[in-house]
Amino acid sequence: MEKHINRSGERAKVIRYADDFVVLVNKEEEIAKKMEAIKMFLRPRGLELNLEKTKIKHTDYEMNGGIGTNFLGF
């Protein structure tokens, strides 16, 4: 999945555990490209993102209203 995601636009960092993952990008404009790449990767495998659980957040604690990113309870 990481190789597929990184074919589009800038390089992203993917952190995964089982069926959960976080994608980190440096520029906001990369988000749409990465989301589409993820959907294209999952589709032929009969999978799709759960858009109710999918969140797009800024990782800067201050800019994110004092709320950090929770991934697997951390």
PDB file of N, CA and C in Angstrom:
ATOM      1  N   MET A   1       0.823  -1.179   0.000  1.00  0.00           N
ATOM      2  CA  MET A   1       0.000   0.000   0.000  1.00  0.00           C
ATOM      3  C   MET A   1       0.874   1.252   0.000  1.00  0.00           C
ATOM      4  N   GLU A   2       1.936   1.247   0.800  1.00  0.00           N
ATOM      5  CA  GLU A   2       2.788   2.434   0.888  1.00  0.00           C
ATOM      6  C   GLU A   2       3.408   2.777  -0.466  1.00  0.00           C
ATOM      7  N   LYS A   3       3.864   1.770  -1.207  1.00  0.00           N
ATOM      8  CA  LYS A   3       4.447   2.017  -2.532  1.00  0.00           C
ATOM      9  C   LYS A   3       3.409   2.621  -3.463  1.00  0.00           C
ATOM     10  N   HIS A   4       2.201   2.103  -3.419  1.00  0.00           N
ATOM     11  CA  HIS A   4       1.126   2.621  -4.274  1.00  0.00           C
ATOM     12  C   HIS A   4       0.802   4.078  -3.923  1.00  0.00           C
ATOM     13  N   ILE A   5       0.704   4.375  -2.638  1.00  0.00           N
ATOM     14  CA  ILE A   5       0.401   5.736  -2.183  1.00  0.00           C
ATOM     15  C   ILE A   5       1.487   6.707  -2.635  1.00  0.00           C
ATOM     16  N   ASN A   6       2.731   6.280  -2.578  1.00  0.00           N
ATOM     17  CA  ASN A   6       3.842   7.178  -2.884  1.00  0.00           C
ATOM     18  C   ASN A   6       4.101   7.359  -4.376  1.00  0.00           C
ATOM     19  N   ARG A   7       3.347   6.668  -5.223  1.00  0.00           N
ATOM     20  CA  ARG A   7       3.459   6.903  -6.668  1.00  0.00           C
ATOM     21  C   ARG A   7       2.820   8.227  -7.058  1.00  0.00           C
ATOM     22  N   SER A   8       1.898   8.707  -6.218  1.00  0.00           N
ATOM     23  CA  SER A   8       1.209   9.965  -6.546  1.00  0.00           C
ATOM     24  C   SER A   8       1.729  11.084  -5.656  1.00  0.00           C
ATOM     25  N   GLY A   9       2.295  12.111  -6.261  1.00  0.00           N
ATOM     26  CA  GLY A   9       2.732  13.284  -5.510  1.00  0.00           C
ATOM     27  C   GLY A   9       3.935  13.036  -4.623  1.00  0.00           C
ATOM     28  N   GLU A  10       4.007  13.830  -3.567  1.00  0.00           N
ATOM     29  CA  GLU A  10       5.126  13.754  -2.620  1.00  0.00           C
ATOM     30  C   GLU A  10       5.096  12.467  -1.817  1.00  0.00           C
ATOM     31  N   ARG A  11       6.230  12.124  -1.283  1.00  0.00           N
ATOM     32  CA  ARG A  11       6.355  10.927  -0.451  1.00  0.00           C
ATOM     33  C   ARG A  11       5.600  11.139   0.857  1.00  0.00           C
ATOM     34  N   ALA A  12       4.892  10.105   1.283  1.00  0.00           N
ATOM     35  CA  ALA A  12       4.149  10.129   2.540  1.00  0.00           C
ATOM     36  C   ALA A  12       4.697   9.037   3.445  1.00  0.00           C
ATOM     37  N   LYS A  13       4.502   9.194   4.723  1.00  0.00           N
ATOM     38  CA  LYS A  13       4.881   8.178   5.694  1.00  0.00           C
ATOM     39  C   LYS A  13       3.607   7.448   6.102  1.00  0.00           C
ATOM     40  N   VAL A  14       3.634   6.127   6.029  1.00  0.00           N
ATOM     41  CA  VAL A  14       2.479   5.321   6.404  1.00  0.00           C
ATOM     42  C   VAL A  14       2.838   4.511   7.642  1.00  0.00           C
ATOM     43  N   ILE A  15       2.009   4.641   8.658  1.00  0.00           N
ATOM     44  CA  ILE A  15       2.184   3.881   9.896  1.00  0.00           C
ATOM     45  C   ILE A  15       0.995   2.926   9.973  1.00  0.00           C
ATOM     46  N   ARG A  16       1.259   1.623  10.050  1.00  0.00           N
ATOM     47  CA  ARG A  16       0.156   0.675  10.031  1.00  0.00           C
ATOM     48  C   ARG A  16       0.268  -0.366  11.133  1.00  0.00           C
ATOM     49  N   TYR A  17      -0.894  -0.853  11.503  1.00  0.00           N
ATOM     50  CA  TYR A  17      -0.991  -1.950  12.444  1.00  0.00           C
ATOM     51  C   TYR A  17      -2.277  -2.694  12.118  1.00  0.00           C
ATOM     52  N   ALA A  18      -2.159  -3.955  11.737  1.00  0.00           N
ATOM     53  CA  ALA A  18      -3.305  -4.772  11.321  1.00  0.00           C
ATOM     54  C   ALA A  18      -4.078  -4.036  10.228  1.00  0.00           C
ATOM     55  N   ASP A  19      -5.353  -3.723  10.449  1.00  0.00           N
ATOM     56  CA  ASP A  19      -6.140  -3.042   9.411  1.00  0.00           C
ATOM     57  C   ASP A  19      -6.289  -1.549   9.667  1.00  0.00           C
ATOM     58  N   ASP A  20      -5.485  -1.008  10.566  1.00  0.00           N
ATOM     59  CA  ASP A  20      -5.502   0.422  10.865  1.00  0.00           C
ATOM     60  C   ASP A  20      -4.233   1.066  10.320  1.00  0.00           C
ATOM     61  N   PHE A  21      -4.348   2.317   9.880  1.00  0.00           N
ATOM     62  CA  PHE A  21      -3.157   3.007   9.400  1.00  0.00           C
ATOM     63  C   PHE A  21      -3.332   4.518   9.499  1.00  0.00           C
ATOM     64  N   VAL A  22      -2.198   5.205   9.531  1.00  0.00           N
ATOM     65  CA  VAL A  22      -2.131   6.663   9.519  1.00  0.00           C
ATOM     66  C   VAL A  22      -1.210   7.034   8.370  1.00  0.00           C
ATOM     67  N   VAL A  23      -1.609   8.036   7.593  1.00  0.00           N
ATOM     68  CA  VAL A  23      -0.774   8.533   6.500  1.00  0.00           C
ATOM     69  C   VAL A  23      -0.394   9.967   6.839  1.00  0.00           C
ATOM     70  N   LEU A  24       0.896  10.237   6.873  1.00  0.00           N
ATOM     71  CA  LEU A  24       1.400  11.571   7.199  1.00  0.00           C
ATOM     72  C   LEU A  24       1.971  12.215   5.937  1.00  0.00           C
ATOM     73  N   VAL A  25       1.509  13.428   5.647  1.00  0.00           N
ATOM     74  CA  VAL A  25       2.017  14.186   4.498  1.00  0.00           C
ATOM     75  C   VAL A  25       2.470  15.561   4.976  1.00  0.00           C
ATOM     76  N   ASN A  26       3.352  16.183   4.210  1.00  0.00           N
ATOM     77  CA  ASN A  26       3.877  17.491   4.593  1.00  0.00           C
ATOM     78  C   ASN A  26       3.021  18.657   4.137  1.00  0.00           C
ATOM     79  N   LYS A  27       2.271  18.467   3.068  1.00  0.00           N
ATOM     80  CA  LYS A  27       1.504  19.579   2.507  1.00  0.00           C
ATOM     81  C   LYS A  27       0.025  19.212   2.426  1.00  0.00           C
ATOM     82  N   GLU A  28      -0.806  20.163   2.781  1.00  0.00           N
ATOM     83  CA  GLU A  28      -2.251  19.942   2.796  1.00  0.00           C
ATOM     84  C   GLU A  28      -2.782  19.522   1.422  1.00  0.00           C
ATOM     85  N   GLU A  29      -2.214  20.074   0.359  1.00  0.00           N
ATOM     86  CA  GLU A  29      -2.701  19.744  -0.972  1.00  0.00           C
ATOM     87  C   GLU A  29      -2.425  18.293  -1.375  1.00  0.00           C
ATOM     88  N   GLU A  30      -1.582  17.597  -0.638  1.00  0.00           N
ATOM     89  CA  GLU A  30      -1.283  16.190  -0.910  1.00  0.00           C
ATOM     90  C   GLU A  30      -2.375  15.258  -0.380  1.00  0.00           C
ATOM     91  N   ILE A  31      -3.198  15.741   0.523  1.00  0.00           N
ATOM     92  CA  ILE A  31      -4.193  14.888   1.169  1.00  0.00           C
ATOM     93  C   ILE A  31      -5.144  14.261   0.154  1.00  0.00           C
ATOM     94  N   ALA A  32      -5.694  15.049  -0.749  1.00  0.00           N
ATOM     95  CA  ALA A  32      -6.642  14.526  -1.737  1.00  0.00           C
ATOM     96  C   ALA A  32      -5.991  13.472  -2.633  1.00  0.00           C
ATOM     97  N   LYS A  33      -4.738  13.705  -3.025  1.00  0.00           N
ATOM     98  CA  LYS A  33      -4.026  12.736  -3.861  1.00  0.00           C
ATOM     99  C   LYS A  33      -3.856  11.413  -3.134  1.00  0.00           C
ATOM    100  N   LYS A  34      -3.480  11.491  -1.866  1.00  0.00           N
ATOM    101  CA  LYS A  34      -3.245  10.268  -1.089  1.00  0.00           C
ATOM    102  C   LYS A  34      -4.550   9.521  -0.824  1.00  0.00           C
ATOM    103  N   MET A  35      -5.626  10.256  -0.539  1.00  0.00           N
ATOM    104  CA  MET A  35      -6.924   9.610  -0.311  1.00  0.00           C
ATOM    105  C   MET A  35      -7.359   8.851  -1.561  1.00  0.00           C
ATOM    106  N   GLU A  36      -7.204   9.457  -2.726  1.00  0.00           N
ATOM    107  CA  GLU A  36      -7.585   8.796  -3.970  1.00  0.00           C
ATOM    108  C   GLU A  36      -6.704   7.574  -4.222  1.00  0.00           C
ATOM    109  N   ALA A  37      -5.407   7.697  -3.956  1.00  0.00           N
ATOM    110  CA  ALA A  37      -4.489   6.562  -4.136  1.00  0.00           C
ATOM    111  C   ALA A  37      -4.869   5.406  -3.211  1.00  0.00           C
ATOM    112  N   ILE A  38      -5.260   5.705  -1.988  1.00  0.00           N
ATOM    113  CA  ILE A  38      -5.668   4.661  -1.040  1.00  0.00           C
ATOM    114  C   ILE A  38      -6.926   3.963  -1.553  1.00  0.00           C
ATOM    115  N   LYS A  39      -7.907   4.755  -2.004  1.00  0.00           N
ATOM    116  CA  LYS A  39      -9.150   4.173  -2.533  1.00  0.00           C
ATOM    117  C   LYS A  39      -8.857   3.269  -3.730  1.00  0.00           C
ATOM    118  N   MET A  40      -7.969   3.724  -4.622  1.00  0.00           N
ATOM    119  CA  MET A  40      -7.620   2.925  -5.804  1.00  0.00           C
ATOM    120  C   MET A  40      -6.887   1.646  -5.418  1.00  0.00           C
ATOM    121  N   PHE A  41      -6.103   1.689  -4.355  1.00  0.00           N
ATOM    122  CA  PHE A  41      -5.397   0.502  -3.879  1.00  0.00           C
ATOM    123  C   PHE A  41      -6.384  -0.505  -3.272  1.00  0.00           C
ATOM    124  N   LEU A  42      -7.334  -0.016  -2.500  1.00  0.00           N
ATOM    125  CA  LEU A  42      -8.269  -0.894  -1.796  1.00  0.00           C
ATOM    126  C   LEU A  42      -9.336  -1.495  -2.711  1.00  0.00           C
ATOM    127  N   ARG A  43      -9.814  -0.726  -3.689  1.00  0.00           N
ATOM    128  CA  ARG A  43     -10.944  -1.138  -4.534  1.00  0.00           C
ATOM    129  C   ARG A  43     -10.782  -2.518  -5.167  1.00  0.00           C
ATOM    130  N   PRO A  44      -9.675  -2.834  -5.860  1.00  0.00           N
ATOM    131  CA  PRO A  44      -9.564  -4.156  -6.488  1.00  0.00           C
ATOM    132  C   PRO A  44      -9.495  -5.302  -5.470  1.00  0.00           C
ATOM    133  N   ARG A  45      -9.260  -4.977  -4.228  1.00  0.00           N
ATOM    134  CA  ARG A  45      -9.184  -5.986  -3.170  1.00  0.00           C
ATOM    135  C   ARG A  45     -10.528  -6.169  -2.468  1.00  0.00           C
ATOM    136  N   GLY A  46     -11.544  -5.467  -2.976  1.00  0.00           N
ATOM    137  CA  GLY A  46     -12.878  -5.566  -2.392  1.00  0.00           C
ATOM    138  C   GLY A  46     -13.004  -4.823  -1.077  1.00  0.00           C
ATOM    139  N   LEU A  47     -12.137  -3.839  -0.852  1.00  0.00           N
ATOM    140  CA  LEU A  47     -12.135  -3.075   0.404  1.00  0.00           C
ATOM    141  C   LEU A  47     -12.427  -1.609   0.122  1.00  0.00           C
ATOM    142  N   GLU A  48     -12.846  -0.904   1.145  1.00  0.00           N
ATOM    143  CA  GLU A  48     -13.035   0.542   1.031  1.00  0.00           C
ATOM    144  C   GLU A  48     -12.814   1.191   2.385  1.00  0.00           C
ATOM    145  N   LEU A  49     -12.492   2.486   2.349  1.00  0.00           N
ATOM    146  CA  LEU A  49     -12.321   3.241   3.585  1.00  0.00           C
ATOM    147  C   LEU A  49     -13.679   3.431   4.253  1.00  0.00           C
ATOM    148  N   ASN A  50     -13.691   3.349   5.561  1.00  0.00           N
ATOM    149  CA  ASN A  50     -14.889   3.694   6.318  1.00  0.00           C
ATOM    150  C   ASN A  50     -14.825   5.201   6.534  1.00  0.00           C
ATOM    151  N   LEU A  51     -15.601   5.952   5.763  1.00  0.00           N
ATOM    152  CA  LEU A  51     -15.515   7.412   5.811  1.00  0.00           C
ATOM    153  C   LEU A  51     -16.001   7.994   7.136  1.00  0.00           C
ATOM    154  N   GLU A  52     -16.787   7.227   7.897  1.00  0.00           N
ATOM    155  CA  GLU A  52     -17.197   7.693   9.221  1.00  0.00           C
ATOM    156  C   GLU A  52     -16.032   7.649  10.211  1.00  0.00           C
ATOM    157  N   LYS A  53     -15.123   6.709  10.010  1.00  0.00           N
ATOM    158  CA  LYS A  53     -13.970   6.578  10.899  1.00  0.00           C
ATOM    159  C   LYS A  53     -12.743   7.323  10.381  1.00  0.00           C
ATOM    160  N   THR A  54     -12.724   7.653   9.097  1.00  0.00           N
ATOM    161  CA  THR A  54     -11.578   8.321   8.501  1.00  0.00           C
ATOM    162  C   THR A  54     -11.557   9.786   8.937  1.00  0.00           C
ATOM    163  N   LYS A  55     -10.406  10.217   9.443  1.00  0.00           N
ATOM    164  CA  LYS A  55     -10.270  11.593   9.920  1.00  0.00           C
ATOM    165  C   LYS A  55      -9.055  12.243   9.275  1.00  0.00           C
ATOM    166  N   ILE A  56      -9.205  13.508   8.955  1.00  0.00           N
ATOM    167  CA  ILE A  56      -8.076  14.294   8.450  1.00  0.00           C
ATOM    168  C   ILE A  56      -7.813  15.357   9.501  1.00  0.00           C
ATOM    169  N   LYS A  57      -6.585  15.353  10.042  1.00  0.00           N
ATOM    170  CA  LYS A  57      -6.245  16.265  11.134  1.00  0.00           C
ATOM    171  C   LYS A  57      -4.881  16.884  10.889  1.00  0.00           C
ATOM    172  N   HIS A  58      -4.698  18.051  11.450  1.00  0.00           N
ATOM    173  CA  HIS A  58      -3.381  18.679  11.467  1.00  0.00           C
ATOM    174  C   HIS A  58      -2.655  18.111  12.680  1.00  0.00           C
ATOM    175  N   THR A  59      -1.410  17.723  12.524  1.00  0.00           N
ATOM    176  CA  THR A  59      -0.698  17.087  13.636  1.00  0.00           C
ATOM    177  C   THR A  59      -0.118  18.074  14.633  1.00  0.00           C
ATOM    178  N   ASP A  60      -0.170  19.368  14.324  1.00  0.00           N
ATOM    179  CA  ASP A  60       0.297  20.369  15.275  1.00  0.00           C
ATOM    180  C   ASP A  60      -0.725  20.486  16.400  1.00  0.00           C
ATOM    181  N   TYR A  61      -0.315  20.177  17.613  1.00  0.00           N
ATOM    182  CA  TYR A  61      -1.204  20.153  18.787  1.00  0.00           C
ATOM    183  C   TYR A  61      -1.934  21.476  18.958  1.00  0.00           C
ATOM    184  N   GLU A  62      -1.226  22.579  18.804  1.00  0.00           N
ATOM    185  CA  GLU A  62      -1.834  23.903  18.987  1.00  0.00           C
ATOM    186  C   GLU A  62      -2.842  24.203  17.868  1.00  0.00           C
ATOM    187  N   MET A  63      -2.479  23.904  16.639  1.00  0.00           N
ATOM    188  CA  MET A  63      -3.363  24.180  15.508  1.00  0.00           C
ATOM    189  C   MET A  63      -4.574  23.249  15.492  1.00  0.00           C
ATOM    190  N   ASN A  64      -4.464  22.133  16.168  1.00  0.00           N
ATOM    191  CA  ASN A  64      -5.535  21.143  16.211  1.00  0.00           C
ATOM    192  C   ASN A  64      -6.437  21.359  17.425  1.00  0.00           C
ATOM    193  N   GLY A  65      -6.428  22.557  17.974  1.00  0.00           N
ATOM    194  CA  GLY A  65      -7.305  22.872  19.091  1.00  0.00           C
ATOM    195  C   GLY A  65      -6.941  22.148  20.377  1.00  0.00           C
ATOM    196  N   GLY A  66      -5.678  21.800  20.529  1.00  0.00           N
ATOM    197  CA  GLY A  66      -5.243  21.121  21.746  1.00  0.00           C
ATOM    198  C   GLY A  66      -5.601  19.654  21.783  1.00  0.00           C
ATOM    199  N   ILE A  67      -5.974  19.106  20.628  1.00  0.00           N
ATOM    200  CA  ILE A  67      -6.324  17.685  20.553  1.00  0.00           C
ATOM    201  C   ILE A  67      -5.270  16.996  19.715  1.00  0.00           C
ATOM    202  N   GLY A  68      -4.657  15.982  20.255  1.00  0.00           N
ATOM    203  CA  GLY A  68      -3.648  15.232  19.509  1.00  0.00           C
ATOM    204  C   GLY A  68      -4.300  14.191  18.613  1.00  0.00           C
ATOM    205  N   THR A  69      -3.498  13.369  17.995  1.00  0.00           N
ATOM    206  CA  THR A  69      -3.987  12.298  17.152  1.00  0.00           C
ATOM    207  C   THR A  69      -3.917  11.000  17.937  1.00  0.00           C
ATOM    208  N   ASN A  70      -5.031  10.306  18.045  1.00  0.00           N
ATOM    209  CA  ASN A  70      -5.083   9.036  18.754  1.00  0.00           C
ATOM    210  C   ASN A  70      -4.993   7.906  17.737  1.00  0.00           C
ATOM    211  N   PHE A  71      -3.939   7.111  17.828  1.00  0.00           N
ATOM    212  CA  PHE A  71      -3.799   5.936  16.966  1.00  0.00           C
ATOM    213  C   PHE A  71      -3.575   4.731  17.855  1.00  0.00           C
ATOM    214  N   LEU A  72      -4.541   3.846  17.874  1.00  0.00           N
ATOM    215  CA  LEU A  72      -4.491   2.624  18.678  1.00  0.00           C
ATOM    216  C   LEU A  72      -4.333   2.930  20.167  1.00  0.00           C
ATOM    217  N   GLY A  73      -4.959   4.003  20.617  1.00  0.00           N
ATOM    218  CA  GLY A  73      -4.947   4.341  22.037  1.00  0.00           C
ATOM    219  C   GLY A  73      -3.745   5.141  22.491  1.00  0.00           C
ATOM    220  N   PHE A  74      -2.883   5.548  21.551  1.00  0.00           N
ATOM    221  CA  PHE A  74      -1.692   6.326  21.915  1.00  0.00           C
ATOM    222  C   PHE A  74      -1.747   7.684  21.258  1.00  0.00           C
TER     223      PHE A  74
END
